[in-house]
Protein backbone atom coordinates (compact mmCIF):
# COMPACT_ATOMS: atom_id res chain seq x y z
CA UNK A 1 89.98 128.76 105.84
CA UNK A 2 88.85 125.15 105.94
CA UNK A 3 89.41 123.50 102.49
CA UNK A 4 87.74 119.92 101.73
CA UNK A 5 88.35 118.01 99.02
CA UNK A 6 86.62 114.26 98.21
CA UNK A 7 87.44 111.50 95.65
CA UNK A 8 85.78 108.52 95.03
CA UNK A 9 87.08 105.02 94.22
CA UNK A 10 87.93 104.19 90.75
CA UNK A 11 86.45 100.94 88.71
CA UNK A 12 88.80 99.41 85.95
CA UNK A 13 86.27 98.71 83.72
CA UNK A 14 88.54 97.05 80.68
CA UNK A 15 92.28 96.50 80.06
CA UNK A 16 93.78 96.91 83.41
CA UNK A 17 96.13 96.22 84.52
CA UNK A 18 98.24 96.99 81.25
CA UNK A 19 98.26 100.52 81.90
CA UNK A 20 101.71 99.20 83.80
CA UNK A 21 102.70 98.00 81.02
CA UNK A 22 102.06 100.49 78.18
CA UNK A 23 98.87 99.57 77.33
CA UNK A 24 95.31 100.94 77.17
CA UNK A 25 92.65 100.89 79.89
CA UNK A 26 89.16 102.22 80.35
CA UNK A 27 87.76 103.06 83.66
CA UNK A 28 85.42 105.49 85.40
CA UNK A 29 85.33 106.90 89.00
CA UNK A 30 82.20 106.16 91.16
CA UNK A 31 80.49 107.51 93.96
CA UNK A 32 79.82 104.92 96.31
CA UNK A 33 83.09 105.23 98.14
CA UNK A 34 84.93 108.09 98.42
CA UNK A 35 88.45 109.47 100.16
CA UNK A 36 88.22 113.00 102.10
CA UNK A 37 90.79 115.25 103.29
CA UNK A 38 89.86 118.49 105.82
CA UNK A 39 93.10 121.10 105.53
CA UNK A 40 93.07 124.38 107.71
CA UNK A 41 95.54 126.95 107.90
CA UNK A 42 97.47 126.71 111.54
CA UNK A 43 100.92 128.09 112.77
CA UNK A 44 102.66 124.77 112.25
CA UNK A 45 102.15 121.65 109.64
CA UNK A 46 100.40 119.16 111.69
CA UNK A 47 99.07 116.14 110.35
CA UNK A 48 96.42 114.25 112.42
CA UNK A 49 95.95 111.09 112.53
CA UNK A 50 92.76 109.20 111.35
CA UNK A 51 91.56 107.65 115.34
CA UNK A 52 90.86 103.61 113.20
CA UNK A 53 93.60 103.43 110.28
CA UNK A 54 96.37 104.99 112.52
CA UNK A 55 95.08 103.88 116.05
CA UNK A 56 97.37 105.09 118.65
CA UNK A 57 94.59 104.27 121.47
CA UNK A 58 93.60 100.41 122.55
CA UNK A 59 91.13 99.06 124.91
CA UNK A 60 93.99 96.35 125.84
CA UNK A 61 97.38 94.28 124.57
CA UNK A 62 95.37 91.78 122.81
CA UNK A 63 93.04 94.55 120.97
CA UNK A 64 96.61 96.32 120.11
CA UNK A 65 97.83 92.92 118.77
CA UNK A 66 94.59 91.99 117.27
CA UNK A 67 94.52 95.35 115.07
CA UNK A 68 98.06 95.36 113.71
CA UNK A 69 97.66 91.24 113.00
CA UNK A 70 94.40 92.83 110.72
CA UNK A 71 96.04 96.21 109.20
CA UNK A 72 99.92 95.90 109.96
CA UNK A 73 101.41 98.91 110.80
CA UNK A 74 101.12 100.92 107.56
CA UNK A 75 98.11 103.22 108.14
CA UNK A 76 97.45 106.43 106.12
CA UNK A 77 99.41 108.94 107.42
CA UNK A 78 102.21 108.16 105.48
CA UNK A 79 100.43 108.37 102.49
CA UNK A 80 100.09 112.08 103.97
CA UNK A 81 103.76 112.42 105.06
CA UNK A 82 104.66 111.40 101.67
CA UNK A 83 102.27 113.36 99.50
CA UNK A 84 103.17 116.45 101.15
CA UNK A 85 106.82 115.97 100.71
CA UNK A 86 106.49 115.19 97.19
CA UNK A 87 104.35 117.65 96.25
CA UNK A 88 106.41 119.92 97.71
CA UNK A 89 109.47 118.71 95.85
CA UNK A 90 107.38 118.86 92.55
CA UNK A 91 107.01 122.24 93.08
CA UNK A 92 110.82 123.26 93.84
CA UNK A 93 111.65 121.17 90.51
CA UNK A 94 108.92 122.77 88.45
CA UNK A 95 110.00 126.23 89.27
CA UNK A 96 106.69 127.08 90.86
CA UNK A 97 107.00 129.36 94.05
CA UNK A 98 105.25 128.44 96.89
CA UNK A 99 104.61 130.98 99.81
CA UNK A 100 104.88 129.64 103.39
CA UNK A 101 101.28 128.54 104.29
CA UNK A 102 101.52 125.79 107.73
CA UNK A 103 98.29 124.02 107.82
CA UNK A 104 96.73 121.02 109.58
CA UNK A 105 95.49 118.10 107.85
CA UNK A 106 93.34 115.09 108.04
CA UNK A 107 91.96 112.53 105.68
CA UNK A 108 89.18 110.14 105.66
CA UNK A 109 88.24 107.40 103.47
CA UNK A 110 85.16 104.90 103.13
CA UNK A 111 86.75 103.37 100.36
CA UNK A 112 86.75 99.00 101.12
CA UNK A 113 90.06 98.03 102.28
CA UNK A 114 92.86 96.60 100.00
CA UNK A 115 90.13 95.38 97.45
CA UNK A 116 91.44 97.25 94.19
CA UNK A 117 89.77 100.37 94.19
CA UNK A 118 92.42 102.45 94.41
CA UNK A 119 92.01 104.05 97.99
CA UNK A 120 95.24 104.90 98.51
CA UNK A 121 96.04 107.13 95.22
CA UNK A 122 91.89 108.51 96.70
CA UNK A 123 93.75 109.86 99.55
CA UNK A 124 96.85 111.08 97.83
CA UNK A 125 95.03 113.00 94.97
CA UNK A 126 92.62 114.73 97.72
CA UNK A 127 95.83 115.67 99.07
CA UNK A 128 97.20 116.97 95.99
CA UNK A 129 94.08 118.61 95.02
CA UNK A 130 94.05 120.73 98.85
CA UNK A 131 97.36 121.35 98.82
CA UNK A 132 97.24 123.26 95.37
CA UNK A 133 93.60 125.03 96.51
CA UNK A 134 95.39 126.12 99.67
CA UNK A 135 98.71 127.79 97.81
CA UNK A 136 96.20 129.00 94.68
CA UNK A 137 98.03 126.98 92.37
CA UNK A 138 96.05 125.72 88.76
CA UNK A 139 96.38 124.07 85.76
CA UNK A 140 98.33 126.48 84.08
CA UNK A 141 101.16 125.84 86.97
CA UNK A 142 100.39 121.96 88.05
CA UNK A 143 99.24 120.77 84.09
CA UNK A 144 96.32 118.37 85.00
CA UNK A 145 97.65 115.77 82.24
CA UNK A 146 101.22 115.62 85.10
CA UNK A 147 98.65 115.44 88.39
CA UNK A 148 98.30 111.63 87.90
CA UNK A 149 102.18 111.02 87.20
CA UNK A 150 102.50 113.67 90.59
CA UNK A 151 100.21 111.83 92.26
CA UNK A 152 102.19 108.16 91.02
CA UNK A 153 105.49 108.93 92.55
CA UNK A 154 104.51 109.62 95.55
CA UNK A 155 103.43 106.20 95.97
CA UNK A 156 106.45 104.43 93.50
CA UNK A 157 109.00 106.93 94.26
CA UNK A 158 108.14 107.69 98.25
CA UNK A 159 106.53 104.74 99.37
CA UNK A 160 107.60 101.66 96.79
CA UNK A 161 104.18 100.38 95.92
CA UNK A 162 104.13 99.07 92.60
CA UNK A 163 100.65 100.91 90.93
CA UNK A 164 100.02 102.03 87.23
CA UNK A 165 98.62 105.21 86.33
CA UNK A 166 95.14 104.61 85.30
CA UNK A 167 94.00 104.97 88.54
CA UNK A 168 95.10 108.66 89.22
CA UNK A 169 94.23 109.63 85.83
CA UNK A 170 90.43 108.99 86.74
CA UNK A 171 90.81 110.40 90.29
CA UNK A 172 92.29 113.80 88.48
CA UNK A 173 90.10 113.71 85.63
CA UNK A 174 86.83 112.45 86.69
CA UNK A 175 84.16 110.32 85.06
CA UNK A 176 84.89 107.94 82.34
CA UNK A 177 88.11 108.11 80.92
CA UNK A 178 89.82 105.93 77.72
CA UNK A 179 93.78 105.84 78.63
CA UNK A 180 96.31 104.78 76.38
CA UNK A 181 100.01 104.47 77.35
CA UNK A 182 101.75 104.38 75.23
CA UNK A 183 105.60 104.17 75.58
CA UNK A 184 107.01 106.51 72.99
CA UNK A 185 104.01 109.13 73.46
CA UNK A 186 104.60 109.16 77.38
CA UNK A 187 108.09 109.64 76.65
CA UNK A 188 108.09 112.21 74.12
CA UNK A 189 105.10 114.00 76.53
CA UNK A 190 105.64 112.64 80.41
CA UNK A 191 101.98 111.71 79.97
CA UNK A 192 99.69 109.07 77.97
CA UNK A 193 96.43 110.02 75.78
CA UNK A 194 93.50 110.38 78.19
CA UNK A 195 89.63 110.83 76.73
CA UNK A 196 86.99 111.59 79.01
CA UNK A 197 83.53 109.70 77.98
CA UNK A 198 80.56 110.03 77.92
CA UNK A 199 79.21 108.42 81.22
CA UNK A 200 75.68 107.64 79.37
CA UNK A 201 77.17 105.22 77.54
CA UNK A 202 77.82 103.17 80.84
CA UNK A 203 75.52 100.06 81.22
CA UNK A 204 74.09 99.50 84.69
CA UNK A 205 76.93 98.45 86.67
CA UNK A 206 77.43 95.85 89.89
CA UNK A 207 80.23 95.81 92.32
CA UNK A 208 81.19 92.77 94.42
CA UNK A 209 84.20 92.40 96.95
CA UNK A 210 85.52 90.06 99.67
CA UNK A 211 86.35 91.51 103.38
CA UNK A 212 89.63 89.51 102.68
CA UNK A 213 91.88 92.15 101.75
CA UNK A 214 95.62 91.35 99.50
CA UNK A 215 98.77 92.79 99.02
CA UNK A 216 98.05 94.48 95.06
CA UNK A 217 101.91 95.53 95.33
CA UNK A 218 103.05 92.00 95.93
CA UNK A 219 100.94 90.67 93.10
CA UNK A 220 102.23 93.10 91.00
CA UNK A 221 105.71 92.46 91.39
CA UNK A 222 106.55 89.24 89.29
CA UNK A 223 104.32 90.36 86.89
CA UNK A 224 106.31 93.40 86.27
CA UNK A 225 110.11 91.11 86.17
CA UNK A 226 108.81 88.66 83.84
CA UNK A 227 107.37 91.47 81.49
CA UNK A 228 111.08 93.41 81.73
CA UNK A 229 112.48 90.24 80.46
CA UNK A 230 110.67 89.93 77.86
CA UNK A 231 108.26 87.03 78.67
CA UNK A 232 106.02 86.35 75.57
CA UNK A 233 102.76 85.03 77.41
CA UNK A 234 102.94 88.28 79.60
CA UNK A 235 103.84 90.82 76.91
CA UNK A 236 101.35 89.06 74.39
CA UNK A 237 98.81 89.19 77.57
CA UNK A 238 99.60 93.59 77.74
CA UNK A 239 98.85 93.60 73.88
CA UNK A 240 95.78 92.07 73.95
CA UNK A 241 94.66 93.96 77.10
CA UNK A 242 94.76 97.14 74.93
CA UNK A 243 93.09 95.42 71.88
CA UNK A 244 90.62 94.56 74.05
CA UNK A 245 90.06 98.44 75.33
CA UNK A 246 89.60 99.64 72.09
CA UNK A 247 87.04 97.27 71.44
CA UNK A 248 85.19 97.72 74.26
CA UNK A 249 85.21 101.33 73.38
CA UNK A 250 83.60 100.37 70.18
CA UNK A 251 81.35 98.40 71.98
CA UNK A 252 79.90 101.25 74.20
CA UNK A 253 79.67 103.80 71.87
CA UNK A 254 77.13 101.19 69.62
CA UNK A 255 75.61 100.59 73.27
CA UNK A 256 76.44 97.08 72.67
CA UNK A 257 76.59 95.44 75.87
CA UNK A 258 76.64 91.52 75.06
CA UNK A 259 79.80 92.25 73.34
CA UNK A 260 81.35 94.53 76.27
CA UNK A 261 80.28 91.75 78.40
CA UNK A 262 82.02 88.67 76.26
CA UNK A 263 85.36 91.49 76.54
CA UNK A 264 84.97 91.85 80.27
CA UNK A 265 85.29 88.00 80.65
CA UNK A 266 88.05 87.63 78.02
CA UNK A 267 90.01 90.65 80.19
CA UNK A 268 89.57 88.52 83.16
CA UNK A 269 90.58 85.23 81.07
CA UNK A 270 93.83 87.01 79.95
CA UNK A 271 94.53 87.78 83.32
CA UNK A 272 94.20 84.39 84.71
CA UNK A 273 96.66 82.82 82.08
CA UNK A 274 99.13 85.40 82.72
CA UNK A 275 99.16 85.64 86.61
CA UNK A 276 98.04 82.31 87.47
CA UNK A 277 95.59 80.44 89.79
CA UNK A 278 98.06 80.92 93.26
CA UNK A 279 98.33 84.32 92.61
CA UNK A 280 94.70 85.74 92.02
CA UNK A 281 93.50 83.63 94.98
CA UNK A 282 90.50 80.95 96.05
CA UNK A 283 88.41 84.09 96.83
CA UNK A 284 88.76 86.22 93.57
CA UNK A 285 88.52 83.32 91.65
CA UNK A 286 85.11 82.31 93.59
CA UNK A 287 83.66 85.48 92.87
CA UNK A 288 84.31 85.23 89.24
CA UNK A 289 82.92 81.65 88.99
CA UNK A 290 79.23 82.90 91.07
CA UNK A 291 79.14 85.72 88.54
CA UNK A 292 79.37 83.49 85.36
CA UNK A 293 77.22 80.82 86.92
CA UNK A 294 74.82 83.50 86.79
CA UNK A 295 74.79 85.01 83.75
CA UNK A 296 76.84 88.12 84.56
CA UNK A 297 80.25 88.93 82.90
CA UNK A 298 83.14 89.48 85.53
CA UNK A 299 86.60 91.17 85.36
CA UNK A 300 89.01 93.00 88.50
CA UNK A 301 88.66 96.32 89.10
CA UNK A 302 91.95 96.58 90.24
CA UNK A 303 93.84 94.46 91.45
CA UNK A 304 92.15 92.02 92.90
CA UNK A 305 90.06 91.78 95.82
CA UNK A 306 86.62 92.59 94.17
CA UNK A 307 84.56 91.97 90.42
CA UNK A 308 82.99 94.53 88.15
CA UNK A 309 80.50 93.30 85.82
CA UNK A 310 77.27 94.53 83.93
CA UNK A 311 73.93 93.33 84.96
CA UNK A 312 70.40 93.41 82.50
CA UNK A 313 67.65 93.88 84.59
CA UNK A 314 66.46 94.27 88.64
CA UNK A 315 65.50 90.41 88.76
CA UNK A 316 69.18 89.20 87.45
CA UNK A 317 70.59 91.57 90.19
CA UNK A 318 68.32 90.73 92.76
CA UNK A 319 69.49 87.08 92.39
CA UNK A 320 72.94 87.73 92.41
CA UNK A 321 72.51 90.21 95.60
CA UNK A 322 70.82 87.09 97.15
CA UNK A 323 73.60 84.23 95.88
CA UNK A 324 76.80 86.46 96.72
CA UNK A 325 75.53 87.54 99.99
CA UNK A 326 75.14 83.79 100.59
CA UNK A 327 78.66 83.25 100.45
CA UNK A 328 79.79 86.40 102.58
CA UNK A 329 80.96 88.42 100.03
CA UNK A 330 79.25 91.90 99.66
CA UNK A 331 77.25 92.97 96.47
CA UNK A 332 75.68 96.46 95.21
CA UNK A 333 75.14 98.67 92.43
CA UNK A 334 77.90 101.23 91.93
CA UNK A 335 77.33 104.54 90.34
CA UNK A 336 79.46 106.50 87.71
CA UNK A 337 79.61 110.23 88.50
CA UNK A 338 82.06 113.01 86.78
CA UNK A 339 83.21 114.26 90.05
CA UNK A 340 81.90 114.26 93.75
CA UNK A 341 79.99 117.19 95.92
CA UNK A 342 82.52 118.41 98.96
CA UNK A 343 79.19 120.57 100.32
CA UNK A 344 79.46 122.12 103.59
CA UNK A 345 76.86 119.04 104.90
CA UNK A 346 79.24 116.61 103.37
CA UNK A 347 82.40 118.72 105.69
CA UNK A 348 80.26 118.03 108.57
CA UNK A 349 79.57 114.43 108.26
CA UNK A 350 83.16 113.60 107.59
CA UNK A 351 84.08 115.81 110.87
CA UNK A 352 81.02 113.77 112.82
CA UNK A 353 82.26 109.96 111.66
CA UNK A 354 85.94 111.06 112.78
CA UNK A 355 84.67 112.14 116.26
CA UNK A 356 82.05 108.89 116.25
CA UNK A 357 85.27 107.01 115.30
CA UNK A 358 87.66 108.54 117.93
CA UNK A 359 84.68 107.99 120.67
CA UNK A 360 84.60 103.94 119.44
CA UNK A 361 88.44 103.72 120.56
CA UNK A 362 88.39 105.59 123.64
CA UNK A 363 85.80 103.40 124.82
CA UNK A 364 87.39 100.37 123.82
CA UNK A 365 85.36 99.21 120.94
CA UNK A 366 87.28 95.93 119.72
CA UNK A 367 89.55 97.40 117.07
CA UNK A 368 87.89 100.84 117.47
CA UNK A 369 85.28 99.92 115.27
CA UNK A 370 81.95 101.10 116.38
CA UNK A 371 78.90 99.28 114.55
CA UNK A 372 77.60 99.79 111.56
CA UNK A 373 81.04 100.95 110.17
CA UNK A 374 82.44 97.31 109.45
CA UNK A 375 86.20 96.15 109.23
CA UNK A 376 86.28 96.47 105.19
CA UNK A 377 86.49 99.99 104.98
CA UNK A 378 90.31 101.04 105.14
CA UNK A 379 93.31 101.82 103.31
CA UNK A 380 93.64 99.90 100.09
CA UNK A 381 94.90 100.47 96.63
């Protein structure tokens, strides 16, 4: 039996990063980038390293040093290891019986690296879904509303990564989701209020991102400390982000995209006041500035490294694409989706991609990257 799961990237449309601070957010799953997991039964449990993101073979010592300098020492293996351990632990504590079923598992991802599109949680969510299928578990065993918390605990409890629930909710539920993380409600129920929205309400969306990655855990850490201390600017800022989320939902339901655009801009402005320009970084600020100069609303879809917004027509999109490309940024349309296809053809494409990467690494291609893949794909929060 081969189990294949795909989970898309997440784009925060409004309210983030208030999900980690008792706020409200609105986000959507997209089909343009995804993480996948292949799992099959085997005599012992084996976690297979990714040929690019967990390299163990290099063309030279210089190649090894270059790769370590770019990627650090934290590939995707730790995500797989921690996800499997936490899944087992959660089931034991919840009284969910697991039969002894060993397996081999391998992941892949095309989600741009560390630009705030929830690449890490996509991998973990795919692993949880695969393990549930392997053991024949349903939502009766692992309730849907609790699955995002399970995914989040892999990163926060096991790996010490600072993060909120938004990404995991969207990647578990799929589609566009309105989320309310009211502290009182969550304390009483173990999860927030989550409502799926009609994807047809969303306007055409663009995404721009930089090839320079960031560490979103570090970006979140200072604001967490200030919030916990009750610093007024941060507490009021998070409250305002929640208000913007409610207003954006109303704008979407009325298809009032002009108002939605203004709310997106304010979302970024509130975030900027809380985090400061030094934390946000020059490249991120330049993308926002460039988008606004072109008449495009813009905000961060996640922790930084990318911006998202809406566009009105193809002429505006083409002008923006040229302008961003000229400055070295990636610029593309994105496509919200309820779920991602996990067909036999998709499975074969994953196997082919991994084999091509292995061959490139063995051939000593710099960084282990074959032409056409680029260094921008990788593991990111």
